[in-house]
Amino acid sequence: MKLRSYQDEAADFLFEHDRAMVLAPVGAGKTAITLTAMRDALREGVVKRFLVLAPKRVCTDVWPVEQPKWAPGMSMAVSVGTVNQRLKALHGPAQVVVTNYDNLQWLCDQELNFDGVVFDELTRLKDPSGRRFKALAEVIDAMRVRWGLTGSFTSNGLEDCFGQCKIVDQSLLGRSKGAFMQQYFVCINREYGDWAPRKGALEQVMAKIKPATYVLEPGEYKDKLPELHTVVLRGQLDDRDPYEDMKKDFVVQFGTVQAVAANAAVVTGKLQQMSSGFVYDSETRADPDRPGKFVTTKSAIWFSDHKFDMLDEVLDGNQRANTIVVYNFVEELVKLKRLYPHARTIDEPGVVEAWNAGKVELLLIHPKSAGHGLNLQHGGCRMVWLSLPWSLELYEQTIGRLHRSGQRHDVWNYVLMTDKTVDEKIWAALHDKRAISDIALDELKGTTNEREHCSVEG
C-alpha cells in the first residue's frame, strides 16, 4: 500500500529525527506513518529493535493488523496476556514488540534490549509523577530513538504538555515539572493547587516544542474525509423535580429510598446521572465477614426514559442502520442491553471484525474502551452519544473510530442532551477545550492567531 503525500512527509520527519512527535487528527493514519518510518529505520540500521507502547485494544486489534499492509518485511510480536505470553514475545526474535501501558511497571523489571520506542497515544504519559512514568524513566536511557504520537498535546490543558515532552526529549521543556509550572503558570489557589497559565504561556510552550513536532495540516487532511455532521438533539426530563432537589439540597427522595450526594464535588456526578434519567443510591454498611471493614452497594433508580425515547427515534429515523451507541455509566449499558438484546459490546471476541463486515446493527461502547486506535469505519457511519465524557480527547478519539481514513460515507454524530442540566455544561466545556487545542495547533504550524484565548484548566 502507498502512503498519501502528507503521510510520506510525516514518515520522513520521524526517520530524520531521533526524538520527535507527530500531532495529527484522529484517523489521519498515524500508525501507517509510524510503521513506514520504523521499517526504514530498521532497514538502514538506525534502530535495531523497537518497543511500541499503546492502549491494550490498539496492541491487539490495530498494530498487528496494520503491520502487514505497511511494513510486510518487518517482524512483530504482541506482548499482552499472561506472563508467559508476554515473556515469549518480549524475548523472541521479533524486531518490534508491542505492549500496553498497563504492563509498563512489569515490563521495566524485565531485561530489555530496545534502542527505539514509540508511544502510541502519548497523552497516556502526561503525568510525570505517575508510577508508569517513573518506571519507564528508569530504563528509557537505552532507547535513543523516541517517537510520540498524539491527536492533541493540550486536550485538557497546557499542563499536559510537560510529561509528554519530557518522556520524548527532556531538553524541550526541562526536567522539572515544578520549574515548568513556575515559568509558565501562576498559582491562583495554593490550598487546592489551582494554577492558570501566564499571559503568552501557550505560545511560548508551543514555540519550544515546534522543532521536534510534525503537525499534519488539518485542511489538507480533511479534504480526504467525508463530512462529519454533528446533530444535537434536546429532550426534557419526564419529572424534573428530583433533579432540582439534588441540585439544591444534595439529596432526593424516591419513596422509601434516598439518594444523597456527600459534597458539592459528588453532586456534579449525580446530576450527570440524573440528566440520563437515573441516579445511583449508594449504601455503606459494616461487612459481617470482616470486622472493622465496610462494604458499599450501589443500585440505580430510574425516573426518566427520555434519552432512550430519543435514541429509539434516531434509530427508527435511520431505518435501524448500523449504529454505535456511546454510554458513560454501567447502568446505561445494562438498560441498553435490556432494551436491545441484539446489541453487542466492544469487548466481545470478534466483534470488531463482525462490525466492519456489516453484521452488527447496534454496537455499544464506552469512550475509554474504544477511544484510541480502533478501526470501525467500515461497518457504519452513525454514532449516538447517550451521555458525554468531560474529556475532549475521549470525545474526539471516539468519533474518530468512524470518521477516519477509509470511511466512504458522511458520518452522522448525534448528541442526546437534556435541557437545563449539567449536559449543557459538559458540552460547553468540550467546546472550550477544543478552542485551546486549536490555538496550540495554530502556534505549532507557525500561523500566529490574534484572537484572545480563554484561560486553560490547570
Protein backbone atom coordinates (compact mmCIF):
# COMPACT_ATOMS: atom_id res chain seq x y z
CA MET A 1 0.00 0.00 0.00
CA LYS A 2 1.09 3.56 -0.67
CA LEU A 3 1.06 6.46 1.76
CA ARG A 4 -0.58 9.74 0.85
CA SER A 5 1.72 12.72 0.35
CA TYR A 6 1.14 14.22 3.78
CA GLN A 7 1.74 10.82 5.39
CA ASP A 8 5.00 10.46 3.45
CA GLU A 9 6.19 13.80 4.82
CA ALA A 10 5.34 12.77 8.37
CA ALA A 11 7.17 9.43 7.97
CA ASP A 12 10.24 11.27 6.63
CA PHE A 13 10.11 13.64 9.61
CA LEU A 14 10.20 10.74 12.06
CA PHE A 15 13.01 8.99 10.20
CA GLU A 16 15.10 12.17 10.23
CA HIS A 17 14.62 12.90 13.96
CA ASP A 18 15.71 10.67 16.85
CA ARG A 19 13.33 12.49 19.20
CA ALA A 20 10.09 13.56 17.56
CA MET A 21 6.33 13.81 17.93
CA VAL A 22 3.57 13.61 15.34
CA LEU A 23 0.48 15.70 16.06
CA ALA A 24 -2.27 14.57 13.71
CA PRO A 25 -6.07 14.44 13.73
CA VAL A 26 -7.87 11.24 14.60
CA GLY A 27 -7.83 8.78 11.70
CA ALA A 28 -5.02 10.51 9.81
CA GLY A 29 -3.06 7.29 9.61
CA LYS A 30 -0.52 7.77 12.41
CA THR A 31 0.01 4.01 12.63
CA ALA A 32 0.73 3.72 8.89
CA ILE A 33 3.08 6.72 9.08
CA THR A 34 5.00 5.26 12.01
CA LEU A 35 5.21 1.73 10.62
CA THR A 36 6.77 3.15 7.45
CA ALA A 37 9.33 5.15 9.43
CA MET A 38 10.09 2.14 11.65
CA ARG A 39 10.58 -0.11 8.61
CA ASP A 40 13.07 2.34 7.12
CA ALA A 41 14.90 2.86 10.42
CA LEU A 42 15.33 -0.90 10.88
CA ARG A 43 16.39 -1.42 7.27
CA GLU A 44 19.01 1.35 7.46
CA GLY A 45 20.36 0.17 10.81
CA VAL A 46 19.31 3.35 12.62
CA VAL A 47 17.41 1.19 15.13
CA LYS A 48 17.95 -2.47 15.94
CA ARG A 49 14.73 -3.17 17.86
CA PHE A 50 11.59 -1.15 18.59
CA LEU A 51 9.24 -1.18 21.59
CA VAL A 52 5.72 0.12 20.94
CA LEU A 53 3.56 1.22 23.87
CA ALA A 54 -0.16 1.56 23.18
CA PRO A 55 -3.59 1.05 24.79
CA LYS A 56 -4.34 -2.67 25.08
CA ARG A 57 -7.01 -2.89 22.40
CA VAL A 58 -4.76 -0.99 19.99
CA CYS A 59 -1.99 -3.53 20.70
CA THR A 60 -4.17 -6.45 19.71
CA ASP A 61 -6.51 -5.00 17.07
CA VAL A 62 -4.52 -2.26 15.30
CA TRP A 63 -0.72 -2.71 15.18
CA PRO A 64 -0.66 -6.39 14.11
CA VAL A 65 -3.44 -5.71 11.59
CA GLU A 66 -1.76 -2.65 10.02
CA GLN A 67 1.82 -4.02 10.04
CA PRO A 68 1.43 -6.42 7.06
CA LYS A 69 -0.03 -3.56 4.99
CA TRP A 70 2.73 -1.01 5.57
CA ALA A 71 5.80 -2.97 6.68
CA PRO A 72 5.34 -6.57 5.44
CA GLY A 73 9.01 -7.49 5.82
CA MET A 74 9.18 -6.39 9.44
CA SER A 75 8.60 -8.93 12.22
CA MET A 76 6.29 -8.04 15.12
CA ALA A 77 5.21 -9.69 18.37
CA VAL A 78 2.40 -8.60 20.68
CA SER A 79 3.34 -8.81 24.37
CA VAL A 80 -0.04 -8.92 26.13
CA GLY A 81 -1.92 -11.61 28.07
CA THR A 82 -0.39 -13.94 30.63
CA VAL A 83 3.13 -13.52 31.97
CA ASN A 84 4.35 -16.42 29.83
CA GLN A 85 2.75 -14.96 26.71
CA ARG A 86 4.32 -11.59 27.40
CA LEU A 87 7.76 -13.06 28.06
CA LYS A 88 7.63 -15.18 24.91
CA ALA A 89 7.01 -12.09 22.78
CA LEU A 90 9.49 -9.96 24.70
CA HIS A 91 12.40 -12.40 24.47
CA GLY A 92 11.61 -13.68 20.98
CA PRO A 93 13.35 -12.61 17.76
CA ALA A 94 10.77 -10.03 16.61
CA GLN A 95 12.13 -6.65 15.51
CA VAL A 96 9.13 -4.88 17.05
CA VAL A 97 7.40 -5.72 20.32
CA VAL A 98 4.03 -4.14 21.04
CA THR A 99 2.73 -3.97 24.61
CA ASN A 100 0.19 -1.95 26.57
CA TYR A 101 0.71 0.84 29.06
CA ASP A 102 -0.82 -1.24 31.86
CA ASN A 103 2.18 -3.58 31.61
CA LEU A 104 4.78 -0.83 31.97
CA GLN A 105 5.78 -1.46 35.57
CA TRP A 106 6.13 -5.19 34.93
CA LEU A 107 7.98 -4.54 31.67
CA CYS A 108 10.54 -2.26 33.28
CA ASP A 109 11.53 -5.05 35.68
CA GLN A 110 12.49 -7.30 32.75
CA GLU A 111 15.74 -7.48 30.81
CA LEU A 112 15.17 -5.19 27.82
CA ASN A 113 17.07 -4.78 24.56
CA PHE A 114 15.36 -1.91 22.76
CA ASP A 115 17.07 1.14 21.27
CA GLY A 116 13.87 2.64 19.86
CA VAL A 117 10.44 3.28 21.38
CA VAL A 118 7.10 4.50 20.01
CA PHE A 119 4.48 6.00 22.29
CA ASP A 120 1.09 5.49 20.64
CA GLU A 121 -1.34 7.89 22.32
CA LEU A 122 1.38 9.88 24.04
CA THR A 123 -1.13 11.51 26.37
CA ARG A 124 -1.07 8.31 28.46
CA LEU A 125 2.27 9.60 29.81
CA LYS A 126 1.21 13.15 30.63
CA ASP A 127 1.66 12.67 34.39
CA PRO A 128 5.37 12.56 35.32
CA SER A 129 4.51 11.69 38.92
CA GLY A 130 2.68 8.51 37.91
CA ARG A 131 4.10 5.05 38.65
CA ARG A 132 4.20 4.06 34.98
CA PHE A 133 6.09 7.19 34.01
CA LYS A 134 8.61 6.76 36.81
CA ALA A 135 9.19 3.09 35.97
CA LEU A 136 9.76 3.94 32.31
CA ALA A 137 12.11 6.80 33.19
CA GLU A 138 14.42 4.27 34.89
CA VAL A 139 15.02 2.29 31.70
CA ILE A 140 14.48 4.74 28.85
CA ASP A 141 18.07 5.99 28.51
CA ALA A 142 18.93 2.97 26.33
CA MET A 143 16.10 3.89 23.94
CA ARG A 144 17.87 6.53 21.89
CA VAL A 145 15.12 6.91 19.30
CA ARG A 146 11.80 8.05 20.77
CA TRP A 147 8.70 8.91 18.78
CA GLY A 148 5.40 10.08 20.26
CA LEU A 149 2.01 10.01 18.50
CA THR A 150 -0.89 12.14 19.64
CA GLY A 151 -4.00 13.94 18.49
CA SER A 152 -3.57 16.86 20.90
CA PHE A 153 -1.00 17.90 23.49
CA THR A 154 -3.45 20.17 25.27
CA SER A 155 -6.82 18.40 25.22
CA ASN A 156 -7.24 19.00 28.95
CA GLY A 157 -4.91 21.96 29.49
CA LEU A 158 -1.43 23.31 28.82
CA GLU A 159 -0.04 21.48 31.87
CA ASP A 160 -0.45 18.18 29.98
CA CYS A 161 2.40 19.12 27.64
CA PHE A 162 5.18 18.69 30.18
CA GLY A 163 5.09 14.95 30.84
CA GLN A 164 4.55 14.09 27.18
CA CYS A 165 7.53 16.17 26.07
CA LYS A 166 9.77 15.03 28.92
CA ILE A 167 9.46 11.33 28.08
CA VAL A 168 10.32 12.04 24.43
CA ASP A 169 13.02 14.68 24.94
CA GLN A 170 13.51 16.44 28.25
CA SER A 171 15.53 19.18 26.57
CA LEU A 172 12.27 20.58 25.14
CA LEU A 173 10.61 21.76 28.36
CA GLY A 174 13.16 20.81 31.01
CA ARG A 175 13.45 18.09 33.63
CA SER A 176 11.46 19.61 36.49
CA LYS A 177 7.66 19.88 36.49
CA GLY A 178 7.91 22.43 39.29
CA ALA A 179 10.22 24.68 37.28
CA PHE A 180 7.92 24.34 34.27
CA MET A 181 4.90 25.37 36.35
CA GLN A 182 6.72 28.32 37.88
CA GLN A 183 7.85 29.57 34.48
CA TYR A 184 4.58 29.26 32.58
CA PHE A 185 1.84 29.30 35.24
CA VAL A 186 0.73 31.34 38.22
CA CYS A 187 -0.78 29.73 41.32
CA ILE A 188 -4.28 31.11 41.88
CA ASN A 189 -5.23 28.89 44.84
CA ARG A 190 -2.33 27.31 46.70
CA GLU A 191 -4.62 25.40 49.08
CA TYR A 192 -6.23 23.48 46.21
CA GLY A 193 -3.24 23.53 43.87
CA ASP A 194 -5.03 25.52 41.18
CA TRP A 195 -2.79 27.04 38.51
CA ALA A 196 -3.55 29.22 35.49
CA PRO A 197 -1.25 29.88 32.51
CA ARG A 198 0.64 33.15 32.42
CA LYS A 199 -0.06 35.53 29.56
CA GLY A 200 1.57 34.21 26.40
CA ALA A 201 2.46 30.86 28.00
CA LEU A 202 0.70 28.78 25.36
CA GLU A 203 2.58 30.46 22.53
CA GLN A 204 5.92 30.15 24.35
CA VAL A 205 5.49 26.44 25.08
CA MET A 206 4.42 25.66 21.51
CA ALA A 207 7.47 27.56 20.19
CA LYS A 208 9.73 25.39 22.37
CA ILE A 209 8.34 22.09 21.12
CA LYS A 210 7.75 23.09 17.49
CA PRO A 211 11.19 21.95 16.15
CA ALA A 212 10.52 18.38 17.37
CA THR A 213 6.90 18.22 16.20
CA TYR A 214 5.35 17.35 12.85
CA VAL A 215 1.88 18.88 12.55
CA LEU A 216 -0.46 17.45 9.99
CA GLU A 217 -2.32 20.30 8.31
CA PRO A 218 -6.00 19.71 9.15
CA GLY A 219 -7.25 21.40 5.97
CA GLU A 220 -5.21 19.10 3.75
CA TYR A 221 -6.32 16.02 5.66
CA LYS A 222 -9.99 16.90 5.99
CA ASP A 223 -10.32 17.10 2.22
CA LYS A 224 -9.67 13.35 2.15
CA LEU A 225 -12.54 12.52 4.52
CA PRO A 226 -16.32 12.53 4.12
CA GLU A 227 -18.10 15.27 6.03
CA LEU A 228 -18.80 14.97 9.76
CA HIS A 229 -22.28 16.15 10.76
CA THR A 230 -22.92 16.72 14.47
CA VAL A 231 -26.58 16.92 15.45
CA VAL A 232 -27.61 17.94 18.98
CA LEU A 233 -30.98 16.52 19.98
CA ARG A 234 -32.60 18.03 23.07
CA GLY A 235 -35.11 16.45 25.39
CA GLN A 236 -36.83 17.05 28.71
CA LEU A 237 -36.78 15.02 31.89
CA ASP A 238 -40.09 13.20 32.44
CA ASP A 239 -40.02 14.54 36.02
CA ARG A 240 -37.72 17.48 36.73
CA ASP A 241 -38.31 17.70 40.50
CA PRO A 242 -35.73 15.04 41.50
CA TYR A 243 -33.02 16.85 39.53
CA GLU A 244 -33.82 20.19 41.15
CA ASP A 245 -33.91 18.60 44.61
CA MET A 246 -30.45 17.10 44.13
CA LYS A 247 -29.08 20.35 42.74
CA LYS A 248 -30.47 22.39 45.65
CA ASP A 249 -30.28 20.05 48.66
CA PHE A 250 -27.77 17.33 47.59
CA VAL A 251 -30.46 14.77 48.35
CA VAL A 252 -33.52 13.33 46.59
CA GLN A 253 -36.22 11.03 47.92
CA PHE A 254 -37.82 8.21 45.87
CA GLY A 255 -40.46 6.61 48.09
CA THR A 256 -38.52 4.92 50.89
CA VAL A 257 -35.19 5.25 49.07
CA GLN A 258 -32.98 8.28 49.44
CA ALA A 259 -30.09 9.24 47.13
CA VAL A 260 -27.53 11.53 48.77
CA ALA A 261 -24.50 13.44 47.43
CA ALA A 262 -21.86 13.76 50.14
CA ASN A 263 -20.50 17.09 48.90
CA ALA A 264 -20.52 19.58 46.01
CA ALA A 265 -17.99 17.55 44.03
CA VAL A 266 -20.12 14.40 44.20
CA VAL A 267 -23.30 16.25 43.28
CA THR A 268 -21.94 17.03 39.80
CA GLY A 269 -21.63 13.32 39.07
CA LYS A 270 -25.11 12.70 40.49
CA LEU A 271 -26.56 15.45 38.27
CA GLN A 272 -24.91 13.90 35.22
CA GLN A 273 -26.53 10.57 36.08
CA MET A 274 -29.87 12.28 36.53
CA SER A 275 -29.52 14.02 33.17
CA SER A 276 -29.64 10.50 31.74
CA GLY A 277 -32.73 9.69 33.79
CA PHE A 278 -31.38 7.74 36.79
CA VAL A 279 -29.35 8.12 39.95
CA TYR A 280 -27.26 5.67 41.94
CA ASP A 281 -28.30 5.03 45.53
CA SER A 282 -25.19 4.03 47.49
CA GLU A 283 -25.38 2.28 50.85
CA THR A 284 -22.36 1.67 53.07
CA ARG A 285 -22.64 -0.87 55.88
CA ALA A 286 -20.40 -2.97 58.10
CA ASP A 287 -19.09 -6.14 56.49
CA PRO A 288 -20.31 -9.05 58.67
CA ASP A 289 -17.49 -11.28 57.46
CA ARG A 290 -14.66 -8.78 58.03
CA PRO A 291 -14.71 -6.96 61.36
CA GLY A 292 -13.80 -3.29 61.04
CA LYS A 293 -14.39 -3.31 57.25
CA PHE A 294 -17.24 -1.76 55.30
CA VAL A 295 -18.96 -2.70 52.04
CA THR A 296 -20.72 -0.31 49.68
CA THR A 297 -23.60 -1.44 47.49
CA LYS A 298 -24.93 0.62 44.62
CA SER A 299 -28.34 0.38 42.97
CA ALA A 300 -29.87 2.52 40.24
CA ILE A 301 -33.18 4.35 40.48
CA TRP A 302 -34.70 5.25 37.10
CA PHE A 303 -37.13 8.16 36.96
CA SER A 304 -36.99 9.25 33.29
CA ASP A 305 -36.72 7.37 29.96
CA HIS A 306 -36.48 10.47 27.79
CA LYS A 307 -33.00 9.72 26.37
CA PHE A 308 -33.95 6.18 25.42
CA ASP A 309 -37.05 7.53 23.69
CA MET A 310 -34.77 9.94 21.78
CA LEU A 311 -32.38 7.09 20.94
CA ASP A 312 -35.23 4.98 19.58
CA GLU A 313 -36.38 7.89 17.41
CA VAL A 314 -32.86 8.24 15.95
CA LEU A 315 -32.59 4.51 15.26
CA ASP A 316 -36.06 4.38 13.66
CA GLY A 317 -35.37 7.52 11.64
CA ASN A 318 -32.25 5.88 10.20
CA GLN A 319 -34.14 2.65 9.37
CA ARG A 320 -32.16 0.77 12.01
CA ALA A 321 -28.92 1.24 10.06
CA ASN A 322 -25.74 0.05 11.80
CA THR A 323 -25.09 2.45 14.69
CA ILE A 324 -22.61 2.89 17.52
CA VAL A 325 -24.14 3.96 20.85
CA VAL A 326 -21.78 5.55 23.36
CA TYR A 327 -22.56 5.28 27.08
CA ASN A 328 -20.71 6.53 30.18
CA PHE A 329 -22.43 4.70 33.04
CA VAL A 330 -22.70 0.95 33.68
CA GLU A 331 -26.40 1.35 34.37
CA GLU A 332 -26.88 2.86 30.90
CA LEU A 333 -25.23 -0.24 29.44
CA VAL A 334 -27.49 -2.53 31.50
CA LYS A 335 -30.58 -0.76 30.22
CA LEU A 336 -29.32 -0.71 26.62
CA LYS A 337 -28.82 -4.48 26.75
CA ARG A 338 -32.28 -4.93 28.22
CA LEU A 339 -33.98 -2.77 25.57
CA TYR A 340 -31.85 -4.01 22.65
CA PRO A 341 -30.94 -7.65 23.32
CA HIS A 342 -29.36 -7.96 19.87
CA ALA A 343 -26.81 -5.22 20.68
CA ARG A 344 -23.17 -6.19 21.08
CA THR A 345 -20.40 -4.66 23.19
CA ILE A 346 -16.92 -3.73 22.03
CA ASP A 347 -15.21 -6.17 24.42
CA GLU A 348 -16.82 -9.26 22.87
CA PRO A 349 -14.41 -11.53 20.95
CA GLY A 350 -14.56 -10.94 17.20
CA VAL A 351 -16.95 -8.01 17.44
CA VAL A 352 -14.65 -5.55 15.62
CA GLU A 353 -14.40 -7.87 12.61
CA ALA A 354 -18.17 -8.52 12.69
CA TRP A 355 -18.92 -4.78 12.86
CA ASN A 356 -16.61 -3.96 9.96
CA ALA A 357 -18.25 -6.75 7.95
CA GLY A 358 -21.60 -5.01 8.45
CA LYS A 359 -23.01 -7.77 10.65
CA VAL A 360 -23.65 -5.72 13.82
CA GLU A 361 -26.69 -3.45 13.89
CA LEU A 362 -26.02 -1.91 17.29
CA LEU A 363 -22.55 -1.64 18.87
CA LEU A 364 -22.29 -0.39 22.47
CA ILE A 365 -19.05 1.28 23.51
CA HIS A 366 -17.59 3.24 26.41
CA PRO A 367 -15.23 6.09 25.40
CA LYS A 368 -12.39 4.66 27.48
CA SER A 369 -12.60 1.24 25.83
CA ALA A 370 -12.88 2.45 22.24
CA GLY A 371 -11.32 5.88 22.35
CA HIS A 372 -7.94 5.01 20.79
CA GLY A 373 -6.80 3.41 17.59
CA LEU A 374 -9.71 1.12 16.72
CA ASN A 375 -10.73 1.00 13.07
CA LEU A 376 -14.53 0.90 12.92
CA GLN A 377 -15.03 2.97 9.76
CA HIS A 378 -16.02 0.05 7.55
CA GLY A 379 -19.12 -1.11 9.43
CA GLY A 380 -21.23 2.03 9.63
CA CYS A 381 -21.32 5.81 9.72
CA ARG A 382 -23.64 6.68 12.62
CA MET A 383 -22.87 7.34 16.28
CA VAL A 384 -25.19 8.33 19.13
CA TRP A 385 -23.97 9.74 22.46
CA LEU A 386 -26.32 8.69 25.26
CA SER A 387 -24.16 10.76 27.63
CA LEU A 388 -20.94 12.75 27.20
CA PRO A 389 -17.48 12.49 28.81
CA TRP A 390 -15.77 15.57 30.24
CA SER A 391 -12.61 14.70 28.29
CA LEU A 392 -12.21 16.31 24.86
CA GLU A 393 -9.60 13.68 23.99
CA LEU A 394 -12.03 10.81 24.62
CA TYR A 395 -14.82 12.58 22.75
CA GLU A 396 -12.73 13.26 19.64
CA GLN A 397 -10.98 9.89 19.66
CA THR A 398 -14.29 8.04 19.90
CA ILE A 399 -15.79 9.94 16.96
CA GLY A 400 -12.56 9.17 15.12
CA ARG A 401 -13.36 5.45 15.17
CA LEU A 402 -15.86 6.19 12.37
CA HIS A 403 -14.62 9.49 10.92
CA ARG A 404 -11.24 8.32 9.67
CA SER A 405 -9.37 7.30 6.56
CA GLY A 406 -11.28 4.58 4.73
CA GLN A 407 -14.76 5.88 5.64
CA ARG A 408 -16.82 6.15 2.43
CA HIS A 409 -19.92 7.90 3.76
CA ASP A 410 -20.72 11.10 5.59
CA VAL A 411 -20.57 10.47 9.33
CA TRP A 412 -23.55 11.43 11.48
CA ASN A 413 -22.78 12.16 15.12
CA TYR A 414 -25.87 12.52 17.34
CA VAL A 415 -25.56 14.07 20.82
CA LEU A 416 -28.52 13.46 23.14
CA MET A 417 -28.81 16.32 25.60
CA THR A 418 -31.22 17.09 28.42
CA ASP A 419 -32.32 20.73 28.60
CA LYS A 420 -31.27 22.86 31.55
CA THR A 421 -28.99 20.23 33.08
CA VAL A 422 -25.27 19.56 33.53
CA ASP A 423 -25.30 18.09 29.99
CA GLU A 424 -25.11 21.65 28.70
CA LYS A 425 -22.12 22.45 30.91
CA ILE A 426 -20.23 19.37 29.68
CA TRP A 427 -20.96 20.28 26.05
CA ALA A 428 -19.73 23.84 26.65
CA ALA A 429 -16.59 22.59 28.42
CA LEU A 430 -15.74 20.35 25.44
CA HIS A 431 -16.03 23.34 23.12
CA ASP A 432 -13.81 25.48 25.37
CA LYS A 433 -11.10 22.81 25.37
CA ARG A 434 -11.40 22.48 21.59
CA ALA A 435 -10.67 26.23 21.29
CA ILE A 436 -7.48 25.83 23.33
CA SER A 437 -6.34 22.88 21.19
CA ASP A 438 -6.97 24.90 18.03
CA ILE A 439 -4.82 27.76 19.32
CA ALA A 440 -1.99 25.36 20.20
CA LEU A 441 -2.23 23.84 16.72
CA ASP A 442 -2.01 27.28 15.12
CA GLU A 443 1.12 28.03 17.13
CA LEU A 444 2.80 24.77 16.15
CA LYS A 445 2.02 25.44 12.50
CA GLY A 446 3.56 28.90 12.86
CA THR A 447 0.38 30.73 11.94
CA THR A 448 0.02 33.33 14.68
CA ASN A 449 -3.57 33.68 15.70
CA GLU A 450 -4.59 37.05 17.07
CA ARG A 451 -7.78 36.01 18.77
CA GLU A 452 -7.94 36.18 22.54
CA HIS A 453 -7.91 32.81 24.27
CA CYS A 454 -9.53 31.78 27.48
CA SER A 455 -7.57 30.51 30.47
CA VAL A 456 -6.63 26.82 30.42
CA GLU A 457 -7.66 24.39 33.11
CA GLY A 458 -4.68 23.55 35.30
